[in-house]
Amino acid sequence: MSNPSHSTQETEKPGWSLTMLFFGAVFAILNHGGTWSWWALLWAPLLSIAIGSMAYEWRLLARRQWRMNALEWVFLVTAHVSLAALLAGALGILSR
């Protein structure tokens, strides 16, 4: 007997495209509206969704035993660099 939940877990592949889209949206909002304005109502939830998406992708990546194509590795690195840049900009470490 096969376990249906086990078969769906094996077919799920990590894809960093959605995470990149969320971080790109947060970056665009921060560039347009600033950190401490009413735009925070939009970028703060998007940032939390992006971080949640990143955690989910890391979990999938560990299950797949670190197997991804080259483009997904580029997306992974870019997502993490953009998260670091967003946090540094929000904390005032990086100037615009």
C-alpha atoms as a PDB file:
ATOM      1  CA  MET A   1       0.000   0.000   0.000  1.00  0.00           C
ATOM      2  CA  SER A   2       1.278   3.412  -0.881  1.00  0.00           C
ATOM      3  CA  ASN A   3       0.854   6.412   1.294  1.00  0.00           C
ATOM      4  CA  PRO A   4      -0.704   9.264  -0.751  1.00  0.00           C
ATOM      5  CA  SER A   5       0.829  11.997   1.382  1.00  0.00           C
ATOM      6  CA  HIS A   6       4.259  10.429   0.919  1.00  0.00           C
ATOM      7  CA  SER A   7       3.938  10.471  -2.856  1.00  0.00           C
ATOM      8  CA  THR A   8       2.942  14.155  -2.921  1.00  0.00           C
ATOM      9  CA  GLN A   9       5.905  15.063  -0.756  1.00  0.00           C
ATOM     10  CA  GLU A  10       8.258  13.406  -3.204  1.00  0.00           C
ATOM     11  CA  THR A  11       6.795  15.286  -6.168  1.00  0.00           C
ATOM     12  CA  GLU A  12       7.040  18.703  -4.498  1.00  0.00           C
ATOM     13  CA  LYS A  13      10.134  20.497  -5.677  1.00  0.00           C
ATOM     14  CA  PRO A  14      11.615  23.613  -4.156  1.00  0.00           C
ATOM     15  CA  GLY A  15      11.008  26.624  -6.343  1.00  0.00           C
ATOM     16  CA  TRP A  16      12.329  29.976  -5.285  1.00  0.00           C
ATOM     17  CA  SER A  17      10.437  31.933  -7.957  1.00  0.00           C
ATOM     18  CA  LEU A  18       7.505  32.825  -5.697  1.00  0.00           C
ATOM     19  CA  THR A  19       9.840  33.860  -2.894  1.00  0.00           C
ATOM     20  CA  MET A  20      11.725  36.077  -5.337  1.00  0.00           C
ATOM     21  CA  LEU A  21       8.437  37.631  -6.453  1.00  0.00           C
ATOM     22  CA  PHE A  22       7.480  38.476  -2.859  1.00  0.00           C
ATOM     23  CA  PHE A  23      10.881  40.012  -2.079  1.00  0.00           C
ATOM     24  CA  GLY A  24      10.787  41.952  -5.358  1.00  0.00           C
ATOM     25  CA  ALA A  25       7.381  43.366  -4.444  1.00  0.00           C
ATOM     26  CA  VAL A  26       8.599  44.380  -0.978  1.00  0.00           C
ATOM     27  CA  PHE A  27      11.684  45.994  -2.492  1.00  0.00           C
ATOM     28  CA  ALA A  28       9.593  47.948  -5.008  1.00  0.00           C
ATOM     29  CA  ILE A  29       7.216  49.141  -2.290  1.00  0.00           C
ATOM     30  CA  LEU A  30      10.082  50.227  -0.041  1.00  0.00           C
ATOM     31  CA  ASN A  31      11.738  52.112  -2.887  1.00  0.00           C
ATOM     32  CA  HIS A  32       8.514  53.860  -3.804  1.00  0.00           C
ATOM     33  CA  GLY A  33       6.983  54.625  -0.433  1.00  0.00           C
ATOM     34  CA  GLY A  34       9.651  54.492   2.208  1.00  0.00           C
ATOM     35  CA  THR A  35       9.969  52.418   5.336  1.00  0.00           C
ATOM     36  CA  TRP A  36       7.970  54.311   7.937  1.00  0.00           C
ATOM     37  CA  SER A  37       4.915  55.515   6.061  1.00  0.00           C
ATOM     38  CA  TRP A  38       1.475  54.148   5.390  1.00  0.00           C
ATOM     39  CA  TRP A  39       3.180  51.825   2.895  1.00  0.00           C
ATOM     40  CA  ALA A  40       4.153  49.744   5.918  1.00  0.00           C
ATOM     41  CA  LEU A  41       0.583  48.408   5.834  1.00  0.00           C
ATOM     42  CA  LEU A  42       1.512  46.794   2.526  1.00  0.00           C
ATOM     43  CA  TRP A  43       5.182  45.852   2.815  1.00  0.00           C
ATOM     44  CA  ALA A  44       5.093  44.399   6.330  1.00  0.00           C
ATOM     45  CA  PRO A  45       2.605  41.586   5.506  1.00  0.00           C
ATOM     46  CA  LEU A  46       4.377  40.928   2.202  1.00  0.00           C
ATOM     47  CA  LEU A  47       7.695  40.616   4.029  1.00  0.00           C
ATOM     48  CA  SER A  48       6.228  38.125   6.508  1.00  0.00           C
ATOM     49  CA  ILE A  49       4.735  36.091   3.637  1.00  0.00           C
ATOM     50  CA  ALA A  50       8.099  36.156   1.853  1.00  0.00           C
ATOM     51  CA  ILE A  51       9.930  34.957   4.967  1.00  0.00           C
ATOM     52  CA  GLY A  52       7.332  32.209   5.450  1.00  0.00           C
ATOM     53  CA  SER A  53       7.750  31.194   1.829  1.00  0.00           C
ATOM     54  CA  MET A  54      11.507  31.112   2.324  1.00  0.00           C
ATOM     55  CA  ALA A  55      11.163  28.816   5.357  1.00  0.00           C
ATOM     56  CA  TYR A  56       8.845  26.512   3.408  1.00  0.00           C
ATOM     57  CA  GLU A  57      11.284  26.332   0.500  1.00  0.00           C
ATOM     58  CA  TRP A  58      14.141  25.477   2.861  1.00  0.00           C
ATOM     59  CA  ARG A  59      12.059  22.631   4.258  1.00  0.00           C
ATOM     60  CA  LEU A  60      11.368  21.318   0.752  1.00  0.00           C
ATOM     61  CA  LEU A  61      15.027  21.680  -0.163  1.00  0.00           C
ATOM     62  CA  ALA A  62      16.101  19.580   2.822  1.00  0.00           C
ATOM     63  CA  ARG A  63      13.593  16.886   1.859  1.00  0.00           C
ATOM     64  CA  ARG A  64      14.901  16.791  -1.713  1.00  0.00           C
ATOM     65  CA  GLN A  65      18.449  16.358  -0.410  1.00  0.00           C
ATOM     66  CA  TRP A  66      19.732  19.614  -1.891  1.00  0.00           C
ATOM     67  CA  ARG A  67      18.829  18.772  -5.504  1.00  0.00           C
ATOM     68  CA  MET A  68      17.883  21.814  -7.573  1.00  0.00           C
ATOM     69  CA  ASN A  69      18.719  23.119 -11.005  1.00  0.00           C
ATOM     70  CA  ALA A  70      21.183  25.992 -11.441  1.00  0.00           C
ATOM     71  CA  LEU A  71      18.522  28.679 -11.894  1.00  0.00           C
ATOM     72  CA  GLU A  72      16.870  27.753  -8.592  1.00  0.00           C
ATOM     73  CA  TRP A  73      20.244  28.077  -6.831  1.00  0.00           C
ATOM     74  CA  VAL A  74      20.608  31.569  -8.303  1.00  0.00           C
ATOM     75  CA  PHE A  75      17.090  32.415  -7.055  1.00  0.00           C
ATOM     76  CA  LEU A  76      17.992  31.062  -3.603  1.00  0.00           C
ATOM     77  CA  VAL A  77      21.090  33.246  -3.337  1.00  0.00           C
ATOM     78  CA  THR A  78      19.269  36.306  -4.713  1.00  0.00           C
ATOM     79  CA  ALA A  79      16.360  35.843  -2.294  1.00  0.00           C
ATOM     80  CA  HIS A  80      18.702  35.739   0.684  1.00  0.00           C
ATOM     81  CA  VAL A  81      20.782  38.704  -0.479  1.00  0.00           C
ATOM     82  CA  SER A  82      17.614  40.743  -1.045  1.00  0.00           C
ATOM     83  CA  LEU A  83      16.332  39.804   2.430  1.00  0.00           C
ATOM     84  CA  ALA A  84      19.614  40.981   3.952  1.00  0.00           C
ATOM     85  CA  ALA A  85      19.494  44.222   1.943  1.00  0.00           C
ATOM     86  CA  LEU A  86      15.864  44.854   2.920  1.00  0.00           C
ATOM     87  CA  LEU A  87      16.580  44.333   6.602  1.00  0.00           C
ATOM     88  CA  ALA A  88      19.705  46.494   6.438  1.00  0.00           C
ATOM     89  CA  GLY A  89      17.741  49.249   4.692  1.00  0.00           C
ATOM     90  CA  ALA A  90      14.882  49.044   7.190  1.00  0.00           C
ATOM     91  CA  LEU A  91      17.294  49.247  10.106  1.00  0.00           C
ATOM     92  CA  GLY A  92      19.148  52.178   8.558  1.00  0.00           C
ATOM     93  CA  ILE A  93      22.415  50.340   8.027  1.00  0.00           C
ATOM     94  CA  LEU A  94      22.345  50.924   4.266  1.00  0.00           C
ATOM     95  CA  SER A  95      21.609  54.403   2.968  1.00  0.00           C
ATOM     96  CA  ARG A  96      19.611  54.945  -0.192  1.00  0.00           C
END
